[in-house]
Amino acid sequence: MTSCRWSDKNTDRTSTSVSLWSCSGSPHMSDGFRLEVWKDVFGPDEGKGSKQNTCNINYWGDLASGSYYFETQLPSGFSVSANGVRVDYLGLSGRSCDGREPAR
């Protein structure tokens, strides 16, 4: 799965979260998969931690100002797709990774 990128100006105390919904995996992944958030920096990017995801929401806390992205960590030979992916990082606003703003 290709992740989206976002820029967090850290103007509030909102926890960064990544939400996925309507997921499917091949082969079936009842235990889910790992998501890792990275900070895009000069040199090697900084890992901000990975979380187990079962097509739900994960929180990374209030991240410092910067540009970020996430990636899936899957066992070899596995794949996953999601009908919806959303990143929230600024109060009540968020970003749909397909470029459309989801309904609230």
PDB file of N, CA and C in Angstrom:
ATOM      1  N   MET A   1       0.851  -1.175   0.000  1.00  0.00           N
ATOM      2  CA  MET A   1       0.000   0.000   0.000  1.00  0.00           C
ATOM      3  C   MET A   1       0.898   1.240   0.000  1.00  0.00           C
ATOM      4  N   THR A   2       0.602   2.161  -0.854  1.00  0.00           N
ATOM      5  CA  THR A   2       1.326   3.420  -0.900  1.00  0.00           C
ATOM      6  C   THR A   2       0.736   4.363   0.132  1.00  0.00           C
ATOM      7  N   SER A   3       1.602   4.978   0.916  1.00  0.00           N
ATOM      8  CA  SER A   3       1.091   5.896   1.929  1.00  0.00           C
ATOM      9  C   SER A   3       0.991   7.293   1.362  1.00  0.00           C
ATOM     10  N   CYS A   4       0.332   8.142   2.115  1.00  0.00           N
ATOM     11  CA  CYS A   4       0.323   9.556   1.752  1.00  0.00           C
ATOM     12  C   CYS A   4       1.331  10.277   2.625  1.00  0.00           C
ATOM     13  N   ARG A   5       1.616  11.498   2.255  1.00  0.00           N
ATOM     14  CA  ARG A   5       2.532  12.344   3.009  1.00  0.00           C
ATOM     15  C   ARG A   5       1.766  13.542   3.519  1.00  0.00           C
ATOM     16  N   TRP A   6       2.193  14.055   4.655  1.00  0.00           N
ATOM     17  CA  TRP A   6       1.550  15.244   5.218  1.00  0.00           C
ATOM     18  C   TRP A   6       2.590  16.081   5.940  1.00  0.00           C
ATOM     19  N   SER A   7       2.270  17.357   6.097  1.00  0.00           N
ATOM     20  CA  SER A   7       3.135  18.283   6.803  1.00  0.00           C
ATOM     21  C   SER A   7       2.403  18.751   8.059  1.00  0.00           C
ATOM     22  N   ASP A   8       2.988  18.475   9.208  1.00  0.00           N
ATOM     23  CA  ASP A   8       2.412  18.862  10.500  1.00  0.00           C
ATOM     24  C   ASP A   8       3.187  20.069  11.005  1.00  0.00           C
ATOM     25  N   LYS A   9       2.504  21.192  11.162  1.00  0.00           N
ATOM     26  CA  LYS A   9       3.162  22.407  11.655  1.00  0.00           C
ATOM     27  C   LYS A   9       3.213  22.456  13.177  1.00  0.00           C
ATOM     28  N   ASN A  10       2.591  21.462  13.825  1.00  0.00           N
ATOM     29  CA  ASN A  10       2.597  21.340  15.280  1.00  0.00           C
ATOM     30  C   ASN A  10       2.109  22.626  15.954  1.00  0.00           C
ATOM     31  N   THR A  11       0.975  23.126  15.494  1.00  0.00           N
ATOM     32  CA  THR A  11       0.406  24.348  16.072  1.00  0.00           C
ATOM     33  C   THR A  11      -0.625  24.044  17.154  1.00  0.00           C
ATOM     34  N   ASP A  12      -0.800  22.755  17.470  1.00  0.00           N
ATOM     35  CA  ASP A  12      -1.742  22.350  18.509  1.00  0.00           C
ATOM     36  C   ASP A  12      -1.182  21.136  19.233  1.00  0.00           C
ATOM     37  N   ARG A  13      -1.980  20.514  20.042  1.00  0.00           N
ATOM     38  CA  ARG A  13      -1.546  19.327  20.786  1.00  0.00           C
ATOM     39  C   ARG A  13      -2.284  18.079  20.316  1.00  0.00           C
ATOM     40  N   THR A  14      -2.659  18.076  19.047  1.00  0.00           N
ATOM     41  CA  THR A  14      -3.422  16.960  18.507  1.00  0.00           C
ATOM     42  C   THR A  14      -2.520  15.752  18.249  1.00  0.00           C
ATOM     43  N   SER A  15      -3.001  14.589  18.636  1.00  0.00           N
ATOM     44  CA  SER A  15      -2.297  13.342  18.363  1.00  0.00           C
ATOM     45  C   SER A  15      -2.427  12.991  16.882  1.00  0.00           C
ATOM     46  N   THR A  16      -1.324  12.622  16.264  1.00  0.00           N
ATOM     47  CA  THR A  16      -1.352  12.159  14.874  1.00  0.00           C
ATOM     48  C   THR A  16      -1.950  10.765  14.836  1.00  0.00           C
ATOM     49  N   SER A  17      -2.894  10.548  13.931  1.00  0.00           N
ATOM     50  CA  SER A  17      -3.496   9.219  13.806  1.00  0.00           C
ATOM     51  C   SER A  17      -3.600   8.829  12.338  1.00  0.00           C
ATOM     52  N   VAL A  18      -3.552   7.520  12.102  1.00  0.00           N
ATOM     53  CA  VAL A  18      -3.759   6.946  10.772  1.00  0.00           C
ATOM     54  C   VAL A  18      -4.920   5.977  10.889  1.00  0.00           C
ATOM     55  N   SER A  19      -5.943   6.166  10.042  1.00  0.00           N
ATOM     56  CA  SER A  19      -7.137   5.313  10.042  1.00  0.00           C
ATOM     57  C   SER A  19      -7.246   4.590   8.710  1.00  0.00           C
ATOM     58  N   LEU A  20      -7.564   3.314   8.764  1.00  0.00           N
ATOM     59  CA  LEU A  20      -7.839   2.535   7.564  1.00  0.00           C
ATOM     60  C   LEU A  20      -9.192   1.868   7.732  1.00  0.00           C
ATOM     61  N   TRP A  21      -9.937   1.728   6.635  1.00  0.00           N
ATOM     62  CA  TRP A  21     -11.214   1.026   6.714  1.00  0.00           C
ATOM     63  C   TRP A  21     -11.471   0.247   5.438  1.00  0.00           C
ATOM     64  N   SER A  22     -12.348  -0.750   5.572  1.00  0.00           N
ATOM     65  CA  SER A  22     -12.697  -1.669   4.469  1.00  0.00           C
ATOM     66  C   SER A  22     -11.441  -2.291   3.869  1.00  0.00           C
ATOM     67  N   CYS A  23     -10.682  -2.968   4.702  1.00  0.00           N
ATOM     68  CA  CYS A  23      -9.429  -3.579   4.264  1.00  0.00           C
ATOM     69  C   CYS A  23      -9.633  -5.010   3.788  1.00  0.00           C
ATOM     70  N   SER A  24      -8.742  -5.442   2.934  1.00  0.00           N
ATOM     71  CA  SER A  24      -8.672  -6.848   2.557  1.00  0.00           C
ATOM     72  C   SER A  24      -7.208  -7.208   2.387  1.00  0.00           C
ATOM     73  N   GLY A  25      -6.886  -8.449   2.710  1.00  0.00           N
ATOM     74  CA  GLY A  25      -5.502  -8.898   2.617  1.00  0.00           C
ATOM     75  C   GLY A  25      -5.398 -10.210   1.878  1.00  0.00           C
ATOM     76  N   SER A  26      -4.241 -10.443   1.314  1.00  0.00           N
ATOM     77  CA  SER A  26      -3.991 -11.694   0.603  1.00  0.00           C
ATOM     78  C   SER A  26      -2.621 -12.203   1.026  1.00  0.00           C
ATOM     79  N   PRO A  27      -2.505 -13.419   1.548  1.00  0.00           N
ATOM     80  CA  PRO A  27      -3.622 -14.212   2.063  1.00  0.00           C
ATOM     81  C   PRO A  27      -4.274 -13.507   3.250  1.00  0.00           C
ATOM     82  N   HIS A  28      -5.409 -14.032   3.710  1.00  0.00           N
ATOM     83  CA  HIS A  28      -6.170 -13.406   4.795  1.00  0.00           C
ATOM     84  C   HIS A  28      -5.259 -13.156   5.996  1.00  0.00           C
ATOM     85  N   MET A  29      -5.333 -11.961   6.561  1.00  0.00           N
ATOM     86  CA  MET A  29      -4.462 -11.583   7.671  1.00  0.00           C
ATOM     87  C   MET A  29      -5.303 -11.277   8.909  1.00  0.00           C
ATOM     88  N   SER A  30      -5.685 -12.286   9.639  1.00  0.00           N
ATOM     89  CA  SER A  30      -6.527 -12.082  10.819  1.00  0.00           C
ATOM     90  C   SER A  30      -5.791 -11.324  11.918  1.00  0.00           C
ATOM     91  N   ASP A  31      -4.466 -11.399  11.941  1.00  0.00           N
ATOM     92  CA  ASP A  31      -3.681 -10.687  12.949  1.00  0.00           C
ATOM     93  C   ASP A  31      -3.351  -9.261  12.534  1.00  0.00           C
ATOM     94  N   GLY A  32      -3.748  -8.862  11.334  1.00  0.00           N
ATOM     95  CA  GLY A  32      -3.468  -7.516  10.864  1.00  0.00           C
ATOM     96  C   GLY A  32      -2.051  -7.377  10.340  1.00  0.00           C
ATOM     97  N   PHE A  33      -1.541  -6.161  10.410  1.00  0.00           N
ATOM     98  CA  PHE A  33      -0.224  -5.835   9.885  1.00  0.00           C
ATOM     99  C   PHE A  33       0.302  -4.636  10.650  1.00  0.00           C
ATOM    100  N   ARG A  34       1.537  -4.255  10.413  1.00  0.00           N
ATOM    101  CA  ARG A  34       2.148  -3.133  11.125  1.00  0.00           C
ATOM    102  C   ARG A  34       2.149  -1.889  10.233  1.00  0.00           C
ATOM    103  N   LEU A  35       1.891  -0.741  10.864  1.00  0.00           N
ATOM    104  CA  LEU A  35       2.033   0.561  10.224  1.00  0.00           C
ATOM    105  C   LEU A  35       3.165   1.290  10.927  1.00  0.00           C
ATOM    106  N   GLU A  36       4.037   1.925  10.166  1.00  0.00           N
ATOM    107  CA  GLU A  36       5.095   2.725  10.773  1.00  0.00           C
ATOM    108  C   GLU A  36       5.043   4.140  10.214  1.00  0.00           C
ATOM    109  N   VAL A  37       5.141   5.122  11.108  1.00  0.00           N
ATOM    110  CA  VAL A  37       5.202   6.524  10.707  1.00  0.00           C
ATOM    111  C   VAL A  37       6.667   6.951  10.693  1.00  0.00           C
ATOM    112  N   TRP A  38       7.035   7.682   9.642  1.00  0.00           N
ATOM    113  CA  TRP A  38       8.398   8.169   9.460  1.00  0.00           C
ATOM    114  C   TRP A  38       8.391   9.686   9.317  1.00  0.00           C
ATOM    115  N   LYS A  39       9.403  10.335   9.855  1.00  0.00           N
ATOM    116  CA  LYS A  39       9.619  11.762   9.645  1.00  0.00           C
ATOM    117  C   LYS A  39      10.642  11.908   8.527  1.00  0.00           C
ATOM    118  N   ASP A  40      10.277  12.674   7.501  1.00  0.00           N
ATOM    119  CA  ASP A  40      11.132  12.896   6.334  1.00  0.00           C
ATOM    120  C   ASP A  40      12.182  13.944   6.693  1.00  0.00           C
ATOM    121  N   VAL A  41      13.440  13.522   6.816  1.00  0.00           N
ATOM    122  CA  VAL A  41      14.531  14.422   7.181  1.00  0.00           C
ATOM    123  C   VAL A  41      15.700  14.205   6.215  1.00  0.00           C
ATOM    124  N   PHE A  42      16.640  15.143   6.211  1.00  0.00           N
ATOM    125  CA  PHE A  42      17.855  14.976   5.420  1.00  0.00           C
ATOM    126  C   PHE A  42      18.642  13.818   6.014  1.00  0.00           C
ATOM    127  N   GLY A  43      19.060  12.879   5.177  1.00  0.00           N
ATOM    128  CA  GLY A  43      19.723  11.682   5.663  1.00  0.00           C
ATOM    129  C   GLY A  43      18.681  10.610   5.908  1.00  0.00           C
ATOM    130  N   PRO A  44      19.014   9.597   6.692  1.00  0.00           N
ATOM    131  CA  PRO A  44      18.022   8.545   6.967  1.00  0.00           C
ATOM    132  C   PRO A  44      16.795   9.114   7.686  1.00  0.00           C
ATOM    133  N   ASP A  45      15.604   8.750   7.213  1.00  0.00           N
ATOM    134  CA  ASP A  45      14.369   9.226   7.843  1.00  0.00           C
ATOM    135  C   ASP A  45      14.248   8.666   9.257  1.00  0.00           C
ATOM    136  N   GLU A  46      13.562   9.413  10.115  1.00  0.00           N
ATOM    137  CA  GLU A  46      13.421   9.038  11.525  1.00  0.00           C
ATOM    138  C   GLU A  46      12.137   8.253  11.738  1.00  0.00           C
ATOM    139  N   GLY A  47      12.263   7.011  12.197  1.00  0.00           N
ATOM    140  CA  GLY A  47      11.104   6.203  12.535  1.00  0.00           C
ATOM    141  C   GLY A  47      10.441   6.729  13.800  1.00  0.00           C
ATOM    142  N   LYS A  48       9.133   6.869  13.781  1.00  0.00           N
ATOM    143  CA  LYS A  48       8.376   7.359  14.933  1.00  0.00           C
ATOM    144  C   LYS A  48       7.578   6.252  15.606  1.00  0.00           C
ATOM    145  N   GLY A  49       7.850   5.029  15.234  1.00  0.00           N
ATOM    146  CA  GLY A  49       7.212   3.887  15.873  1.00  0.00           C
ATOM    147  C   GLY A  49       6.257   3.166  14.947  1.00  0.00           C
ATOM    148  N   SER A  50       6.081   1.889  15.220  1.00  0.00           N
ATOM    149  CA  SER A  50       5.137   1.085  14.445  1.00  0.00           C
ATOM    150  C   SER A  50       4.039   0.579  15.372  1.00  0.00           C
ATOM    151  N   LYS A  51       2.870   0.377  14.794  1.00  0.00           N
ATOM    152  CA  LYS A  51       1.689  -0.075  15.537  1.00  0.00           C
ATOM    153  C   LYS A  51       1.023  -1.206  14.769  1.00  0.00           C
ATOM    154  N   GLN A  52       0.455  -2.146  15.516  1.00  0.00           N
ATOM    155  CA  GLN A  52      -0.325  -3.217  14.901  1.00  0.00           C
ATOM    156  C   GLN A  52      -1.657  -2.644  14.438  1.00  0.00           C
ATOM    157  N   ASN A  53      -2.054  -2.933  13.210  1.00  0.00           N
ATOM    158  CA  ASN A  53      -3.302  -2.406  12.668  1.00  0.00           C
ATOM    159  C   ASN A  53      -4.146  -3.547  12.132  1.00  0.00           C
ATOM    160  N   THR A  54      -5.408  -3.562  12.486  1.00  0.00           N
ATOM    161  CA  THR A  54      -6.360  -4.557  11.982  1.00  0.00           C
ATOM    162  C   THR A  54      -7.506  -3.835  11.269  1.00  0.00           C
ATOM    163  N   CYS A  55      -7.124  -2.885  10.408  1.00  0.00           N
ATOM    164  CA  CYS A  55      -8.081  -2.059   9.678  1.00  0.00           C
ATOM    165  C   CYS A  55      -8.863  -1.193  10.657  1.00  0.00           C
ATOM    166  N   ASN A  56      -8.119  -0.382  11.395  1.00  0.00           N
ATOM    167  CA  ASN A  56      -8.707   0.490  12.410  1.00  0.00           C
ATOM    168  C   ASN A  56      -7.891   1.771  12.506  1.00  0.00           C
ATOM    169  N   ILE A  57      -7.837   2.371  13.676  1.00  0.00           N
ATOM    170  CA  ILE A  57      -7.119   3.626  13.878  1.00  0.00           C
ATOM    171  C   ILE A  57      -5.963   3.420  14.854  1.00  0.00           C
ATOM    172  N   ASN A  58      -4.829   4.052  14.550  1.00  0.00           N
ATOM    173  CA  ASN A  58      -3.673   4.033  15.432  1.00  0.00           C
ATOM    174  C   ASN A  58      -3.242   5.469  15.708  1.00  0.00           C
ATOM    175  N   TYR A  59      -2.712   5.695  16.920  1.00  0.00           N
ATOM    176  CA  TYR A  59      -2.283   7.031  17.348  1.00  0.00           C
ATOM    177  C   TYR A  59      -0.785   7.038  17.623  1.00  0.00           C
ATOM    178  N   TRP A  60      -0.131   8.141  17.239  1.00  0.00           N
ATOM    179  CA  TRP A  60       1.298   8.303  17.474  1.00  0.00           C
ATOM    180  C   TRP A  60       1.611   9.445  18.429  1.00  0.00           C
ATOM    181  N   GLY A  61       0.627  10.087  18.995  1.00  0.00           N
ATOM    182  CA  GLY A  61       0.871  11.206  19.898  1.00  0.00           C
ATOM    183  C   GLY A  61       1.106  12.503  19.129  1.00  0.00           C
ATOM    184  N   ASP A  62       1.447  13.544  19.862  1.00  0.00           N
ATOM    185  CA  ASP A  62       1.678  14.865  19.284  1.00  0.00           C
ATOM    186  C   ASP A  62       3.095  14.893  18.718  1.00  0.00           C
ATOM    187  N   LEU A  63       3.212  14.788  17.391  1.00  0.00           N
ATOM    188  CA  LEU A  63       4.526  14.765  16.739  1.00  0.00           C
ATOM    189  C   LEU A  63       5.043  16.180  16.529  1.00  0.00           C
ATOM    190  N   ALA A  64       6.356  16.321  16.519  1.00  0.00           N
ATOM    191  CA  ALA A  64       7.000  17.615  16.291  1.00  0.00           C
ATOM    192  C   ALA A  64       6.727  18.099  14.870  1.00  0.00           C
ATOM    193  N   SER A  65       6.953  19.366  14.642  1.00  0.00           N
ATOM    194  CA  SER A  65       6.771  19.955  13.322  1.00  0.00           C
ATOM    195  C   SER A  65       7.636  19.223  12.293  1.00  0.00           C
ATOM    196  N   GLY A  66       7.066  18.971  11.107  1.00  0.00           N
ATOM    197  CA  GLY A  66       7.839  18.312  10.055  1.00  0.00           C
ATOM    198  C   GLY A  66       6.959  17.640   9.028  1.00  0.00           C
ATOM    199  N   SER A  67       7.605  17.004   8.063  1.00  0.00           N
ATOM    200  CA  SER A  67       6.918  16.239   7.010  1.00  0.00           C
ATOM    201  C   SER A  67       6.984  14.766   7.361  1.00  0.00           C
ATOM    202  N   TYR A  68       5.843  14.074   7.196  1.00  0.00           N
ATOM    203  CA  TYR A  68       5.726  12.680   7.617  1.00  0.00           C
ATOM    204  C   TYR A  68       5.090  11.826   6.533  1.00  0.00           C
ATOM    205  N   TYR A  69       5.273  10.525   6.663  1.00  0.00           N
ATOM    206  CA  TYR A  69       4.583   9.543   5.832  1.00  0.00           C
ATOM    207  C   TYR A  69       4.489   8.252   6.624  1.00  0.00           C
ATOM    208  N   PHE A  70       3.645   7.328   6.183  1.00  0.00           N
ATOM    209  CA  PHE A  70       3.592   6.027   6.832  1.00  0.00           C
ATOM    210  C   PHE A  70       3.783   4.945   5.790  1.00  0.00           C
ATOM    211  N   GLU A  71       4.149   3.770   6.261  1.00  0.00           N
ATOM    212  CA  GLU A  71       4.265   2.618   5.370  1.00  0.00           C
ATOM    213  C   GLU A  71       3.763   1.380   6.085  1.00  0.00           C
ATOM    214  N   THR A  72       3.321   0.421   5.297  1.00  0.00           N
ATOM    215  CA  THR A  72       2.881  -0.856   5.857  1.00  0.00           C
ATOM    216  C   THR A  72       4.079  -1.785   5.947  1.00  0.00           C
ATOM    217  N   GLN A  73       4.088  -2.610   6.965  1.00  0.00           N
ATOM    218  CA  GLN A  73       5.111  -3.640   7.130  1.00  0.00           C
ATOM    219  C   GLN A  73       4.391  -4.979   7.050  1.00  0.00           C
ATOM    220  N   LEU A  74       4.611  -5.684   5.943  1.00  0.00           N
ATOM    221  CA  LEU A  74       3.913  -6.947   5.670  1.00  0.00           C
ATOM    222  C   LEU A  74       4.907  -8.088   5.545  1.00  0.00           C
ATOM    223  N   PRO A  75       4.498  -9.283   5.950  1.00  0.00           N
ATOM    224  CA  PRO A  75       5.349 -10.445   5.707  1.00  0.00           C
ATOM    225  C   PRO A  75       5.527 -10.652   4.202  1.00  0.00           C
ATOM    226  N   SER A  76       6.611 -11.253   3.818  1.00  0.00           N
ATOM    227  CA  SER A  76       6.886 -11.536   2.412  1.00  0.00           C
ATOM    228  C   SER A  76       5.735 -12.333   1.796  1.00  0.00           C
ATOM    229  N   GLY A  77       5.287 -11.926   0.620  1.00  0.00           N
ATOM    230  CA  GLY A  77       4.212 -12.626  -0.079  1.00  0.00           C
ATOM    231  C   GLY A  77       2.812 -12.155   0.297  1.00  0.00           C
ATOM    232  N   PHE A  78       2.690 -11.213   1.223  1.00  0.00           N
ATOM    233  CA  PHE A  78       1.391 -10.706   1.652  1.00  0.00           C
ATOM    234  C   PHE A  78       1.129  -9.355   0.995  1.00  0.00           C
ATOM    235  N   SER A  79      -0.143  -9.034   0.849  1.00  0.00           N
ATOM    236  CA  SER A  79      -0.538  -7.710   0.371  1.00  0.00           C
ATOM    237  C   SER A  79      -1.788  -7.285   1.117  1.00  0.00           C
ATOM    238  N   VAL A  80      -2.013  -5.980   1.160  1.00  0.00           N
ATOM    239  CA  VAL A  80      -3.200  -5.436   1.825  1.00  0.00           C
ATOM    240  C   VAL A  80      -3.693  -4.250   1.014  1.00  0.00           C
ATOM    241  N   SER A  81      -5.002  -4.074   0.997  1.00  0.00           N
ATOM    242  CA  SER A  81      -5.585  -2.891   0.369  1.00  0.00           C
ATOM    243  C   SER A  81      -6.668  -2.363   1.291  1.00  0.00           C
ATOM    244  N   ALA A  82      -6.933  -1.070   1.179  1.00  0.00           N
ATOM    245  CA  ALA A  82      -7.957  -0.424   2.002  1.00  0.00           C
ATOM    246  C   ALA A  82      -8.783   0.486   1.111  1.00  0.00           C
ATOM    247  N   ASN A  83     -10.091   0.473   1.319  1.00  0.00           N
ATOM    248  CA  ASN A  83     -10.951   1.373   0.562  1.00  0.00           C
ATOM    249  C   ASN A  83     -10.842   2.805   1.048  1.00  0.00           C
ATOM    250  N   GLY A  84     -10.351   3.001   2.257  1.00  0.00           N
ATOM    251  CA  GLY A  84     -10.191   4.344   2.791  1.00  0.00           C
ATOM    252  C   GLY A  84      -9.009   4.440   3.717  1.00  0.00           C
ATOM    253  N   VAL A  85      -8.270   5.534   3.592  1.00  0.00           N
ATOM    254  CA  VAL A  85      -7.130   5.826   4.457  1.00  0.00           C
ATOM    255  C   VAL A  85      -7.219   7.302   4.804  1.00  0.00           C
ATOM    256  N   ARG A  86      -7.062   7.604   6.083  1.00  0.00           N
ATOM    257  CA  ARG A  86      -7.151   8.996   6.530  1.00  0.00           C
ATOM    258  C   ARG A  86      -6.072   9.255   7.568  1.00  0.00           C
ATOM    259  N   VAL A  87      -5.454  10.420   7.472  1.00  0.00           N
ATOM    260  CA  VAL A  87      -4.467  10.871   8.446  1.00  0.00           C
ATOM    261  C   VAL A  87      -5.030  12.111   9.116  1.00  0.00           C
ATOM    262  N   ASP A  88      -5.059  12.119  10.446  1.00  0.00           N
ATOM    263  CA  ASP A  88      -5.473  13.293  11.215  1.00  0.00           C
ATOM    264  C   ASP A  88      -4.277  13.782  12.009  1.00  0.00           C
ATOM    265  N   TYR A  89      -4.054  15.099  11.970  1.00  0.00           N
ATOM    266  CA  TYR A  89      -2.897  15.659  12.658  1.00  0.00           C
ATOM    267  C   TYR A  89      -3.097  17.100  13.097  1.00  0.00           C
ATOM    268  N   LEU A  90      -4.258  17.699  12.812  1.00  0.00           N
ATOM    269  CA  LEU A  90      -4.461  19.096  13.148  1.00  0.00           C
ATOM    270  C   LEU A  90      -5.887  19.301  13.625  1.00  0.00           C
ATOM    271  N   GLY A  91      -6.101  19.273  14.923  1.00  0.00           N
ATOM    272  CA  GLY A  91      -7.433  19.501  15.485  1.00  0.00           C
ATOM    273  C   GLY A  91      -8.479  18.617  14.847  1.00  0.00           C
ATOM    274  N   LEU A  92      -9.558  19.202  14.370  1.00  0.00           N
ATOM    275  CA  LEU A  92     -10.638  18.433  13.754  1.00  0.00           C
ATOM    276  C   LEU A  92     -10.442  18.227  12.263  1.00  0.00           C
ATOM    277  N   SER A  93      -9.380  18.780  11.691  1.00  0.00           N
ATOM    278  CA  SER A  93      -9.150  18.591  10.259  1.00  0.00           C
ATOM    279  C   SER A  93      -8.294  17.366  10.030  1.00  0.00           C
ATOM    280  N   GLY A  94      -8.372  16.833   8.859  1.00  0.00           N
ATOM    281  CA  GLY A  94      -7.588  15.675   8.511  1.00  0.00           C
ATOM    282  C   GLY A  94      -7.378  15.633   7.021  1.00  0.00           C
ATOM    283  N   ARG A  95      -6.762  14.578   6.565  1.00  0.00           N
ATOM    284  CA  ARG A  95      -6.456  14.450   5.155  1.00  0.00           C
ATOM    285  C   ARG A  95      -6.756  13.036   4.705  1.00  0.00           C
ATOM    286  N   SER A  96      -7.601  12.931   3.692  1.00  0.00           N
ATOM    287  CA  SER A  96      -7.849  11.652   3.074  1.00  0.00           C
ATOM    288  C   SER A  96      -6.695  11.381   2.118  1.00  0.00           C
ATOM    289  N   CYS A  97      -6.155  10.187   2.142  1.00  0.00           N
ATOM    290  CA  CYS A  97      -4.980   9.909   1.331  1.00  0.00           C
ATOM    291  C   CYS A  97      -5.274   9.767  -0.158  1.00  0.00           C
ATOM    292  N   ASP A  98      -6.551   9.714  -0.524  1.00  0.00           N
ATOM    293  CA  ASP A  98      -6.865   9.671  -1.957  1.00  0.00           C
ATOM    294  C   ASP A  98      -7.128  11.064  -2.500  1.00  0.00           C
ATOM    295  N   GLY A  99      -6.896  12.087  -1.675  1.00  0.00           N
ATOM    296  CA  GLY A  99      -7.049  13.465  -2.119  1.00  0.00           C
ATOM    297  C   GLY A  99      -8.441  14.024  -1.898  1.00  0.00           C
ATOM    298  N   ARG A 100      -9.417  13.185  -1.538  1.00  0.00           N
ATOM    299  CA  ARG A 100     -10.775  13.650  -1.266  1.00  0.00           C
ATOM    300  C   ARG A 100     -10.965  13.785   0.227  1.00  0.00           C
ATOM    301  N   GLU A 101     -11.733  14.758   0.624  1.00  0.00           N
ATOM    302  CA  GLU A 101     -12.052  14.942   2.035  1.00  0.00           C
ATOM    303  C   GLU A 101     -13.220  14.033   2.372  1.00  0.00           C
ATOM    304  N   PRO A 102     -13.046  13.083   3.310  1.00  0.00           N
ATOM    305  CA  PRO A 102     -14.155  12.178   3.644  1.00  0.00           C
ATOM    306  C   PRO A 102     -15.284  12.902   4.368  1.00  0.00           C
ATOM    307  N   ALA A 103     -16.456  12.350   4.238  1.00  0.00           N
ATOM    308  CA  ALA A 103     -17.623  12.922   4.930  1.00  0.00           C
ATOM    309  C   ALA A 103     -17.466  12.713   6.424  1.00  0.00           C
ATOM    310  N   ARG A 104     -17.993  13.648   7.206  1.00  0.00           N
ATOM    311  CA  ARG A 104     -17.946  13.527   8.678  1.00  0.00           C
ATOM    312  C   ARG A 104     -19.345  13.353   9.198  1.00  0.00           C
TER     313      ARG A 104
END
